N, C-alpha and C. Protein backbone atom coordinates (compact mmCIF):
# COMPACT_ATOMS: atom_id res chain seq x y z
N UNK A 1 -70.14 41.86 17.52
CA UNK A 1 -71.45 42.42 17.36
C UNK A 1 -71.82 43.13 18.65
N UNK A 2 -72.56 44.22 18.48
CA UNK A 2 -72.91 45.03 19.63
C UNK A 2 -74.43 44.95 19.88
N UNK A 3 -74.79 45.12 21.19
CA UNK A 3 -76.19 45.08 21.61
C UNK A 3 -77.01 46.18 20.97
N UNK A 4 -76.46 47.34 20.79
CA UNK A 4 -77.17 48.48 20.24
C UNK A 4 -77.65 48.18 18.82
N UNK A 5 -76.81 47.47 18.09
CA UNK A 5 -77.16 47.11 16.73
C UNK A 5 -78.40 46.20 16.73
N UNK A 6 -78.41 45.25 17.67
CA UNK A 6 -79.53 44.33 17.76
C UNK A 6 -80.81 45.05 18.27
N UNK A 7 -80.68 46.05 19.14
CA UNK A 7 -81.83 46.80 19.63
C UNK A 7 -82.41 47.64 18.51
N UNK A 8 -81.59 48.14 17.66
CA UNK A 8 -82.08 48.93 16.53
C UNK A 8 -82.89 48.05 15.60
N UNK A 9 -82.66 46.75 15.63
CA UNK A 9 -83.42 45.83 14.80
C UNK A 9 -84.76 45.45 15.47
N UNK A 10 -85.02 46.00 16.63
CA UNK A 10 -86.25 45.80 17.40
C UNK A 10 -86.41 44.36 17.85
N UNK A 11 -85.35 43.79 18.33
CA UNK A 11 -85.38 42.42 18.83
C UNK A 11 -85.66 42.42 20.32
N UNK A 12 -86.21 41.34 20.75
CA UNK A 12 -86.55 41.19 22.14
C UNK A 12 -85.26 40.99 22.93
N UNK A 13 -85.27 41.39 24.23
CA UNK A 13 -84.06 41.31 25.05
C UNK A 13 -83.61 39.85 25.25
N UNK A 14 -84.58 38.93 25.36
CA UNK A 14 -84.20 37.54 25.52
C UNK A 14 -83.47 37.03 24.27
N UNK A 15 -83.95 37.42 23.14
CA UNK A 15 -83.34 37.01 21.88
C UNK A 15 -81.95 37.64 21.76
N UNK A 16 -81.88 38.91 22.15
CA UNK A 16 -80.58 39.60 22.10
C UNK A 16 -79.59 38.89 23.03
N UNK A 17 -80.07 38.45 24.23
CA UNK A 17 -79.19 37.75 25.16
C UNK A 17 -78.70 36.42 24.55
N UNK A 18 -79.58 35.71 23.90
CA UNK A 18 -79.20 34.45 23.29
C UNK A 18 -78.18 34.71 22.15
N UNK A 19 -78.45 35.69 21.35
CA UNK A 19 -77.54 36.01 20.25
C UNK A 19 -76.18 36.42 20.81
N UNK A 20 -76.20 37.24 21.82
CA UNK A 20 -74.95 37.71 22.43
C UNK A 20 -74.20 36.55 23.07
N UNK A 21 -74.94 35.62 23.69
CA UNK A 21 -74.32 34.47 24.31
C UNK A 21 -73.65 33.61 23.23
N UNK A 22 -74.33 33.36 22.13
CA UNK A 22 -73.77 32.56 21.02
C UNK A 22 -72.58 33.28 20.40
N UNK A 23 -72.73 34.57 20.26
CA UNK A 23 -71.62 35.37 19.70
C UNK A 23 -70.41 35.33 20.63
N UNK A 24 -70.64 35.40 21.94
CA UNK A 24 -69.54 35.33 22.92
C UNK A 24 -68.83 33.98 22.83
N UNK A 25 -69.63 32.93 22.68
CA UNK A 25 -69.03 31.59 22.56
C UNK A 25 -68.18 31.52 21.28
N UNK A 26 -68.71 32.08 20.21
CA UNK A 26 -67.94 32.10 18.95
C UNK A 26 -66.63 32.88 19.12
N UNK A 27 -66.72 33.98 19.84
CA UNK A 27 -65.52 34.80 20.07
C UNK A 27 -64.51 34.02 20.90
N UNK A 28 -64.98 33.35 21.92
CA UNK A 28 -64.08 32.55 22.76
C UNK A 28 -63.44 31.41 21.95
N UNK A 29 -64.25 30.76 21.13
CA UNK A 29 -63.69 29.69 20.27
C UNK A 29 -62.64 30.27 19.31
N UNK A 30 -62.92 31.43 18.80
CA UNK A 30 -61.98 32.07 17.89
C UNK A 30 -60.70 32.44 18.63
N UNK A 31 -60.85 32.91 19.88
CA UNK A 31 -59.66 33.23 20.68
C UNK A 31 -58.84 31.98 20.93
N UNK A 32 -59.54 30.89 21.25
CA UNK A 32 -58.83 29.63 21.46
C UNK A 32 -58.12 29.21 20.18
N UNK A 33 -58.83 29.38 19.07
CA UNK A 33 -58.22 29.02 17.78
C UNK A 33 -57.01 29.90 17.51
N UNK A 34 -57.16 31.17 17.87
CA UNK A 34 -56.03 32.08 17.68
C UNK A 34 -54.87 31.68 18.60
N UNK A 35 -55.21 31.25 19.78
CA UNK A 35 -54.17 30.75 20.68
C UNK A 35 -53.50 29.52 20.07
N UNK A 36 -54.28 28.66 19.46
CA UNK A 36 -53.72 27.50 18.76
C UNK A 36 -52.88 27.96 17.58
N UNK A 37 -53.29 29.02 16.92
CA UNK A 37 -52.52 29.57 15.80
C UNK A 37 -51.17 30.06 16.30
N UNK A 38 -51.17 30.71 17.45
CA UNK A 38 -49.91 31.18 18.01
C UNK A 38 -48.99 30.00 18.34
N UNK A 39 -49.59 28.96 18.92
CA UNK A 39 -48.76 27.79 19.24
C UNK A 39 -48.29 27.11 17.95
N UNK A 40 -49.15 27.12 16.93
CA UNK A 40 -48.74 26.55 15.64
C UNK A 40 -47.62 27.39 15.03
N UNK A 41 -47.73 28.71 15.17
CA UNK A 41 -46.66 29.59 14.67
C UNK A 41 -45.35 29.30 15.40
N UNK A 42 -45.45 29.15 16.71
CA UNK A 42 -44.24 28.85 17.49
C UNK A 42 -43.66 27.48 17.08
N UNK A 43 -44.54 26.52 16.92
CA UNK A 43 -44.10 25.20 16.51
C UNK A 43 -43.48 25.25 15.11
N UNK A 44 -44.11 26.04 14.23
CA UNK A 44 -43.59 26.21 12.87
C UNK A 44 -42.18 26.82 12.90
N UNK A 45 -41.99 27.82 13.72
CA UNK A 45 -40.67 28.46 13.85
C UNK A 45 -39.65 27.46 14.40
N UNK A 46 -40.08 26.70 15.39
CA UNK A 46 -39.20 25.68 15.98
C UNK A 46 -38.81 24.64 14.93
N UNK A 47 -39.77 24.20 14.13
CA UNK A 47 -39.49 23.23 13.07
C UNK A 47 -38.55 23.81 12.01
N UNK A 48 -38.74 25.10 11.69
CA UNK A 48 -37.84 25.75 10.72
C UNK A 48 -36.41 25.75 11.24
N UNK A 49 -36.26 26.05 12.53
CA UNK A 49 -34.93 26.06 13.14
C UNK A 49 -34.33 24.65 13.11
N UNK A 50 -35.16 23.65 13.45
CA UNK A 50 -34.69 22.26 13.42
C UNK A 50 -34.28 21.84 12.01
N UNK A 51 -35.07 22.27 11.00
CA UNK A 51 -34.73 21.94 9.62
C UNK A 51 -33.41 22.59 9.21
N UNK A 52 -33.21 23.82 9.61
CA UNK A 52 -31.97 24.51 9.29
C UNK A 52 -30.78 23.78 9.93
N UNK A 53 -30.94 23.41 11.20
CA UNK A 53 -29.87 22.67 11.87
C UNK A 53 -29.64 21.31 11.21
N UNK A 54 -30.72 20.65 10.83
CA UNK A 54 -30.60 19.35 10.16
C UNK A 54 -29.87 19.50 8.83
N UNK A 55 -30.22 20.56 8.07
CA UNK A 55 -29.53 20.78 6.79
C UNK A 55 -28.03 21.02 6.99
N UNK A 56 -27.69 21.77 8.04
CA UNK A 56 -26.28 21.99 8.33
C UNK A 56 -25.60 20.67 8.68
N UNK A 57 -26.28 19.87 9.53
CA UNK A 57 -25.72 18.58 9.91
C UNK A 57 -25.57 17.66 8.70
N UNK A 58 -26.56 17.69 7.80
CA UNK A 58 -26.51 16.85 6.60
C UNK A 58 -25.35 17.27 5.70
N UNK A 59 -25.14 18.57 5.56
CA UNK A 59 -24.02 19.04 4.74
C UNK A 59 -22.69 18.60 5.35
N UNK A 60 -22.59 18.75 6.67
CA UNK A 60 -21.35 18.33 7.34
C UNK A 60 -21.16 16.83 7.20
N UNK A 61 -22.24 16.08 7.38
CA UNK A 61 -22.16 14.63 7.24
C UNK A 61 -21.81 14.22 5.82
N UNK A 62 -22.41 14.89 4.85
CA UNK A 62 -22.11 14.61 3.45
C UNK A 62 -20.64 14.90 3.15
N UNK A 63 -20.14 16.00 3.69
CA UNK A 63 -18.73 16.34 3.49
C UNK A 63 -17.85 15.27 4.11
N UNK A 64 -18.18 14.86 5.33
CA UNK A 64 -17.41 13.81 5.99
C UNK A 64 -17.52 12.50 5.24
N UNK A 65 -18.71 12.18 4.77
CA UNK A 65 -18.88 10.94 4.01
C UNK A 65 -18.08 11.01 2.73
N UNK A 66 -18.06 12.15 2.08
CA UNK A 66 -17.24 12.33 0.88
C UNK A 66 -15.78 12.14 1.21
N UNK A 67 -15.34 12.72 2.30
CA UNK A 67 -13.95 12.56 2.71
C UNK A 67 -13.67 11.10 3.03
N UNK A 68 -14.64 10.45 3.69
CA UNK A 68 -14.46 9.04 4.02
C UNK A 68 -14.39 8.20 2.75
N UNK A 69 -15.20 8.58 1.76
CA UNK A 69 -15.16 7.86 0.48
C UNK A 69 -13.81 8.07 -0.18
N UNK A 70 -13.30 9.29 -0.13
CA UNK A 70 -11.97 9.57 -0.68
C UNK A 70 -10.92 8.78 0.08
N UNK A 71 -11.06 8.77 1.42
CA UNK A 71 -10.10 8.02 2.23
C UNK A 71 -10.20 6.52 1.94
N UNK A 72 -11.42 6.04 1.78
CA UNK A 72 -11.59 4.62 1.47
C UNK A 72 -10.96 4.29 0.12
N UNK A 73 -11.19 5.17 -0.86
CA UNK A 73 -10.58 4.95 -2.17
C UNK A 73 -9.07 5.01 -2.09
N UNK A 74 -8.55 5.96 -1.35
CA UNK A 74 -7.11 6.11 -1.19
C UNK A 74 -6.55 4.86 -0.49
N UNK A 75 -7.26 4.40 0.54
CA UNK A 75 -6.84 3.21 1.27
C UNK A 75 -6.78 2.00 0.34
N UNK A 76 -7.83 1.83 -0.47
CA UNK A 76 -7.88 0.72 -1.42
C UNK A 76 -6.75 0.84 -2.43
N UNK A 77 -6.52 2.06 -2.90
CA UNK A 77 -5.44 2.30 -3.87
C UNK A 77 -4.08 1.96 -3.25
N UNK A 78 -3.87 2.40 -2.02
CA UNK A 78 -2.61 2.13 -1.35
C UNK A 78 -2.44 0.64 -1.06
N UNK A 79 -3.53 -0.05 -0.75
CA UNK A 79 -3.46 -1.49 -0.53
C UNK A 79 -3.00 -2.20 -1.80
N UNK A 80 -3.56 -1.78 -2.94
CA UNK A 80 -3.15 -2.38 -4.21
C UNK A 80 -1.70 -2.10 -4.51
N UNK A 81 -1.28 -0.86 -4.27
CA UNK A 81 0.12 -0.48 -4.51
C UNK A 81 1.04 -1.26 -3.58
N UNK A 82 0.63 -1.40 -2.32
CA UNK A 82 1.43 -2.16 -1.34
C UNK A 82 1.56 -3.61 -1.78
N UNK A 83 0.47 -4.19 -2.24
CA UNK A 83 0.50 -5.58 -2.68
C UNK A 83 1.43 -5.74 -3.88
N UNK A 84 1.33 -4.82 -4.84
CA UNK A 84 2.20 -4.88 -6.02
C UNK A 84 3.65 -4.69 -5.64
N UNK A 85 3.92 -3.71 -4.78
CA UNK A 85 5.30 -3.46 -4.34
C UNK A 85 5.86 -4.66 -3.59
N UNK A 86 5.04 -5.27 -2.75
CA UNK A 86 5.48 -6.44 -1.99
C UNK A 86 5.81 -7.59 -2.94
N UNK A 87 4.95 -7.81 -3.94
CA UNK A 87 5.22 -8.87 -4.90
C UNK A 87 6.51 -8.60 -5.67
N UNK A 88 6.70 -7.34 -6.09
CA UNK A 88 7.93 -6.98 -6.82
C UNK A 88 9.16 -7.18 -5.94
N UNK A 89 9.08 -6.74 -4.70
CA UNK A 89 10.22 -6.89 -3.80
C UNK A 89 10.51 -8.36 -3.50
N UNK A 90 9.47 -9.15 -3.35
CA UNK A 90 9.67 -10.58 -3.11
C UNK A 90 10.31 -11.25 -4.33
N UNK A 91 9.89 -10.82 -5.53
CA UNK A 91 10.50 -11.37 -6.75
C UNK A 91 11.97 -10.98 -6.83
N UNK A 92 12.27 -9.72 -6.52
CA UNK A 92 13.66 -9.27 -6.54
C UNK A 92 14.48 -10.01 -5.48
N UNK A 93 13.90 -10.21 -4.31
CA UNK A 93 14.59 -10.94 -3.25
C UNK A 93 14.86 -12.38 -3.68
N UNK A 94 13.90 -13.00 -4.33
CA UNK A 94 14.09 -14.37 -4.82
C UNK A 94 15.22 -14.43 -5.84
N UNK A 95 15.25 -13.45 -6.73
CA UNK A 95 16.31 -13.40 -7.75
C UNK A 95 17.66 -13.20 -7.07
N UNK A 96 17.71 -12.31 -6.09
CA UNK A 96 18.96 -12.06 -5.37
C UNK A 96 19.42 -13.32 -4.64
N UNK A 97 18.50 -14.02 -3.99
CA UNK A 97 18.85 -15.26 -3.30
C UNK A 97 19.35 -16.30 -4.30
N UNK A 98 18.67 -16.40 -5.45
CA UNK A 98 19.08 -17.36 -6.47
C UNK A 98 20.47 -17.03 -6.99
N UNK A 99 20.73 -15.75 -7.26
CA UNK A 99 22.04 -15.34 -7.75
C UNK A 99 23.13 -15.61 -6.71
N UNK A 100 22.86 -15.33 -5.46
CA UNK A 100 23.83 -15.58 -4.40
C UNK A 100 24.14 -17.06 -4.27
N UNK A 101 23.09 -17.88 -4.30
CA UNK A 101 23.29 -19.34 -4.19
C UNK A 101 24.03 -19.86 -5.42
N UNK A 102 23.73 -19.30 -6.60
CA UNK A 102 24.41 -19.72 -7.81
C UNK A 102 25.88 -19.33 -7.77
N UNK A 103 26.18 -18.11 -7.32
CA UNK A 103 27.57 -17.68 -7.18
C UNK A 103 28.33 -18.61 -6.23
N UNK A 104 27.69 -18.96 -5.14
CA UNK A 104 28.32 -19.86 -4.18
C UNK A 104 28.58 -21.23 -4.81
N UNK A 105 27.61 -21.73 -5.56
CA UNK A 105 27.77 -23.03 -6.22
C UNK A 105 28.88 -22.97 -7.26
N UNK A 106 28.95 -21.86 -8.00
CA UNK A 106 30.00 -21.73 -9.02
C UNK A 106 31.38 -21.64 -8.37
N UNK A 107 31.48 -20.95 -7.26
CA UNK A 107 32.76 -20.89 -6.54
C UNK A 107 33.15 -22.26 -6.00
N UNK A 108 32.17 -22.99 -5.51
CA UNK A 108 32.44 -24.34 -5.00
C UNK A 108 32.89 -25.27 -6.12
N UNK A 109 32.37 -25.03 -7.32
CA UNK A 109 32.73 -25.87 -8.47
C UNK A 109 34.06 -25.42 -9.08
N UNK A 110 34.68 -24.37 -8.50
CA UNK A 110 35.97 -23.84 -8.95
C UNK A 110 35.92 -23.39 -10.40
N UNK A 111 34.89 -22.61 -10.71
CA UNK A 111 34.73 -22.05 -12.04
C UNK A 111 35.74 -20.93 -12.21
N UNK A 112 36.40 -20.88 -13.35
CA UNK A 112 37.40 -19.85 -13.60
C UNK A 112 36.74 -18.51 -13.93
N UNK A 113 35.64 -18.56 -14.71
CA UNK A 113 34.97 -17.33 -15.11
C UNK A 113 33.46 -17.51 -14.92
N UNK A 114 32.92 -17.04 -13.79
CA UNK A 114 31.49 -17.25 -13.51
C UNK A 114 30.57 -16.61 -14.55
N UNK A 115 30.96 -15.47 -15.10
CA UNK A 115 30.10 -14.83 -16.11
C UNK A 115 29.99 -15.69 -17.35
N UNK A 116 31.10 -16.29 -17.77
CA UNK A 116 31.08 -17.16 -18.95
C UNK A 116 30.21 -18.39 -18.69
N UNK A 117 30.33 -18.95 -17.51
CA UNK A 117 29.53 -20.14 -17.17
C UNK A 117 28.05 -19.80 -17.10
N UNK A 118 27.72 -18.65 -16.55
CA UNK A 118 26.31 -18.24 -16.46
C UNK A 118 25.68 -18.18 -17.84
N UNK A 119 26.47 -17.73 -18.82
CA UNK A 119 25.95 -17.66 -20.18
C UNK A 119 25.68 -19.03 -20.76
N UNK A 120 26.34 -20.04 -20.26
CA UNK A 120 26.16 -21.40 -20.77
C UNK A 120 25.09 -22.18 -20.01
N UNK A 121 24.68 -21.68 -18.86
CA UNK A 121 23.67 -22.38 -18.05
C UNK A 121 22.27 -22.03 -18.53
N UNK A 122 21.37 -23.00 -18.44
CA UNK A 122 19.96 -22.77 -18.73
C UNK A 122 19.30 -22.34 -17.42
N UNK A 123 19.13 -21.03 -17.26
CA UNK A 123 18.64 -20.48 -15.99
C UNK A 123 17.18 -20.84 -15.72
N UNK A 124 16.43 -21.23 -16.76
CA UNK A 124 15.03 -21.62 -16.55
C UNK A 124 14.93 -22.91 -15.73
N UNK A 125 15.98 -23.73 -15.79
CA UNK A 125 15.97 -25.00 -15.07
C UNK A 125 16.57 -24.89 -13.67
N UNK A 126 17.12 -23.74 -13.34
CA UNK A 126 17.75 -23.57 -12.04
C UNK A 126 16.78 -22.84 -11.12
N UNK A 127 16.47 -23.45 -10.01
CA UNK A 127 15.50 -22.89 -9.05
C UNK A 127 16.03 -23.08 -7.64
N UNK A 128 15.44 -22.31 -6.72
CA UNK A 128 15.70 -22.51 -5.29
C UNK A 128 14.53 -23.29 -4.72
N UNK A 129 14.82 -24.33 -3.95
CA UNK A 129 13.73 -25.05 -3.30
C UNK A 129 13.37 -24.36 -1.98
N UNK A 130 12.45 -24.93 -1.25
CA UNK A 130 11.97 -24.32 0.00
C UNK A 130 13.05 -24.20 1.06
N UNK A 131 14.07 -25.06 0.98
CA UNK A 131 15.15 -25.02 1.95
C UNK A 131 16.26 -24.05 1.52
N UNK A 132 16.10 -23.41 0.38
CA UNK A 132 17.09 -22.46 -0.10
C UNK A 132 18.24 -23.11 -0.85
N UNK A 133 18.04 -24.35 -1.28
CA UNK A 133 19.08 -25.07 -2.01
C UNK A 133 18.82 -24.95 -3.51
N UNK A 134 19.91 -24.89 -4.28
CA UNK A 134 19.78 -24.81 -5.73
C UNK A 134 19.40 -26.17 -6.30
N UNK A 135 18.51 -26.16 -7.24
CA UNK A 135 18.09 -27.39 -7.91
C UNK A 135 18.33 -27.17 -9.40
N UNK A 136 18.96 -28.14 -10.04
CA UNK A 136 19.15 -28.09 -11.48
C UNK A 136 20.48 -27.51 -11.93
N UNK A 137 21.36 -27.15 -11.01
CA UNK A 137 22.63 -26.57 -11.41
C UNK A 137 23.74 -27.62 -11.46
N UNK A 138 23.72 -28.59 -10.59
CA UNK A 138 24.83 -29.56 -10.52
C UNK A 138 24.92 -30.40 -11.80
N UNK A 139 23.78 -30.81 -12.35
CA UNK A 139 23.79 -31.59 -13.59
C UNK A 139 24.39 -30.78 -14.73
N UNK A 140 24.01 -29.51 -14.79
CA UNK A 140 24.53 -28.65 -15.86
C UNK A 140 26.03 -28.42 -15.70
N UNK A 141 26.49 -28.22 -14.46
CA UNK A 141 27.92 -28.02 -14.23
C UNK A 141 28.71 -29.28 -14.56
N UNK A 142 28.17 -30.44 -14.21
CA UNK A 142 28.86 -31.69 -14.53
C UNK A 142 28.99 -31.86 -16.05
N UNK A 143 27.93 -31.52 -16.74
CA UNK A 143 27.95 -31.61 -18.20
C UNK A 143 28.98 -30.65 -18.79
N UNK A 144 29.06 -29.44 -18.24
CA UNK A 144 30.04 -28.46 -18.72
C UNK A 144 31.47 -28.89 -18.38
N UNK A 145 31.67 -29.54 -17.26
CA UNK A 145 33.02 -30.02 -16.90
C UNK A 145 33.49 -31.05 -17.93
N UNK A 146 32.56 -31.85 -18.40
CA UNK A 146 32.92 -32.87 -19.39
C UNK A 146 33.21 -32.23 -20.75
N UNK A 147 32.32 -31.28 -21.14
CA UNK A 147 32.47 -30.71 -22.48
C UNK A 147 33.49 -29.57 -22.53
N UNK A 148 33.55 -28.76 -21.50
CA UNK A 148 34.44 -27.59 -21.50
C UNK A 148 35.21 -27.53 -20.19
N UNK A 149 36.03 -28.50 -19.97
CA UNK A 149 36.77 -28.63 -18.72
C UNK A 149 37.72 -27.48 -18.45
N UNK A 150 38.15 -26.79 -19.51
CA UNK A 150 39.08 -25.67 -19.33
C UNK A 150 38.46 -24.51 -18.56
N UNK A 151 37.13 -24.49 -18.44
CA UNK A 151 36.45 -23.42 -17.70
C UNK A 151 36.53 -23.62 -16.19
N UNK A 152 37.03 -24.74 -15.78
CA UNK A 152 37.08 -25.08 -14.36
C UNK A 152 38.53 -25.24 -13.93
N UNK A 153 38.81 -24.83 -12.71
CA UNK A 153 40.14 -25.00 -12.13
C UNK A 153 40.11 -26.33 -11.37
N UNK A 154 40.63 -27.35 -12.02
CA UNK A 154 40.56 -28.68 -11.44
C UNK A 154 41.57 -28.87 -10.32
N UNK A 155 42.59 -28.01 -10.28
CA UNK A 155 43.55 -28.11 -9.20
C UNK A 155 44.50 -29.29 -9.34
N UNK A 156 44.56 -29.90 -10.49
CA UNK A 156 45.49 -31.01 -10.65
C UNK A 156 46.69 -30.59 -11.49
N UNK A 157 47.02 -29.32 -11.40
CA UNK A 157 48.24 -28.84 -12.06
C UNK A 157 49.46 -29.39 -11.34
N UNK A 158 50.56 -29.58 -12.05
CA UNK A 158 51.74 -30.16 -11.43
C UNK A 158 52.70 -29.06 -11.04
N UNK A 159 53.37 -29.32 -9.97
CA UNK A 159 54.38 -28.35 -9.53
C UNK A 159 55.58 -28.49 -10.46
N UNK A 160 56.18 -27.40 -10.80
CA UNK A 160 57.36 -27.41 -11.69
C UNK A 160 58.61 -27.52 -10.85
N UNK A 161 59.29 -28.59 -11.04
CA UNK A 161 60.56 -28.80 -10.36
C UNK A 161 61.58 -29.19 -11.42
N UNK A 162 62.40 -28.23 -11.85
CA UNK A 162 63.39 -28.57 -12.88
C UNK A 162 64.42 -29.55 -12.33
N UNK A 163 64.89 -30.36 -13.25
CA UNK A 163 65.90 -31.33 -12.84
C UNK A 163 67.18 -30.60 -12.53
N UNK A 164 67.77 -30.95 -11.48
CA UNK A 164 69.00 -30.30 -11.05
C UNK A 164 68.75 -28.89 -10.60
N UNK A 165 67.58 -28.58 -10.27
CA UNK A 165 67.25 -27.22 -9.87
C UNK A 165 67.41 -27.00 -8.41
N UNK A 166 68.17 -27.75 -7.75
CA UNK A 166 68.31 -27.56 -6.32
C UNK A 166 69.34 -26.48 -6.02
N UNK A 167 69.94 -25.94 -7.02
CA UNK A 167 70.90 -24.87 -6.80
C UNK A 167 72.25 -25.25 -7.39
N UNK A 168 73.12 -24.33 -7.47
CA UNK A 168 74.44 -24.55 -8.07
C UNK A 168 75.44 -24.85 -6.98
N UNK A 169 76.36 -25.73 -7.33
CA UNK A 169 77.46 -26.02 -6.41
C UNK A 169 78.56 -24.99 -6.57
N UNK A 170 78.43 -24.14 -7.52
CA UNK A 170 79.44 -23.13 -7.81
C UNK A 170 79.42 -22.08 -6.71
N UNK A 171 80.57 -21.82 -6.15
CA UNK A 171 80.67 -20.88 -5.04
C UNK A 171 80.88 -19.45 -5.53
N UNK A 172 81.00 -19.27 -6.81
CA UNK A 172 81.23 -17.94 -7.34
C UNK A 172 79.98 -17.09 -7.14
N UNK A 173 80.23 -15.89 -6.77
CA UNK A 173 79.13 -14.97 -6.59
C UNK A 173 79.09 -14.02 -7.76
N UNK A 174 78.11 -13.29 -7.83
CA UNK A 174 77.96 -12.31 -8.89
C UNK A 174 79.10 -11.30 -8.80
N UNK A 175 79.50 -10.93 -7.63
CA UNK A 175 80.57 -9.96 -7.45
C UNK A 175 81.90 -10.51 -8.00
N UNK A 176 82.12 -11.81 -7.80
CA UNK A 176 83.34 -12.42 -8.34
C UNK A 176 83.32 -12.34 -9.86
N UNK A 177 82.21 -12.55 -10.45
CA UNK A 177 82.10 -12.48 -11.89
C UNK A 177 82.33 -11.06 -12.39
N UNK A 178 81.78 -10.10 -11.67
CA UNK A 178 82.01 -8.70 -12.05
C UNK A 178 83.48 -8.35 -11.97
N UNK A 179 84.13 -8.80 -10.94
CA UNK A 179 85.57 -8.53 -10.79
C UNK A 179 86.37 -9.16 -11.91
N UNK A 180 86.00 -10.32 -12.36
CA UNK A 180 86.69 -11.02 -13.44
C UNK A 180 86.60 -10.19 -14.72
N UNK A 181 85.47 -9.64 -14.95
CA UNK A 181 85.30 -8.87 -16.18
C UNK A 181 85.99 -7.53 -16.11
N UNK A 182 86.20 -6.98 -14.97
CA UNK A 182 86.87 -5.69 -14.83
C UNK A 182 88.34 -5.83 -15.15
N UNK A 183 88.89 -6.89 -15.01
CA UNK A 183 90.33 -7.08 -15.19
C UNK A 183 90.70 -7.02 -16.59
C-alpha cells in the first residue's frame, strides 16, 4: 500500500503513519513467512532426495534379501540332499561290509560254492554287530553242513595210494620195448 493512496482518502497523517506501520509489520511478517517457505522448499527437496535414495536402498536390500532367500532355500535343499546321500552311502557301506564279512565267513567255512550257499542262507537273520562281527551266520552254516555237507570242502579226502604203486622192478625202458617191436 502506498501513502498517496491513503492521502487521496483524506486521512490524517498520524493515521496514515499507523496504517503504514501496521502494513510494514505485515510485509515483514510475510517476508519472514516467505523465508520460511524457502527453507520449507529446501527441506522438501532434501526430503525428496532422501526418499529417492531410500527407495534405491530398499530395492537393493529387497534384491539382496530375495537372493538370500534363494540362497537359504538352496542351502536347505542341499542339506536335505546331503542327508539323503549320506544315509544312502552309509546303507551301501553297511551292505558292502556285511558282504565282505560274509564272504570271509564262507571262505573260513570252506564253502565250495559261495553263491549257492548265499541262496540257502536267510539274509534277514544275518547282521553285523557294533564290533563288525557277523551274527546269525554260524548257526545257519552248521545246519547246512549237516543237511548238505557236499557243499563244503571238509578236507577229509583220502590220498590215493595204489597197492604196489611204488614203481616197477622191471628195468626195461620204453626204448627197449620199441626195439623189440622193430625186430
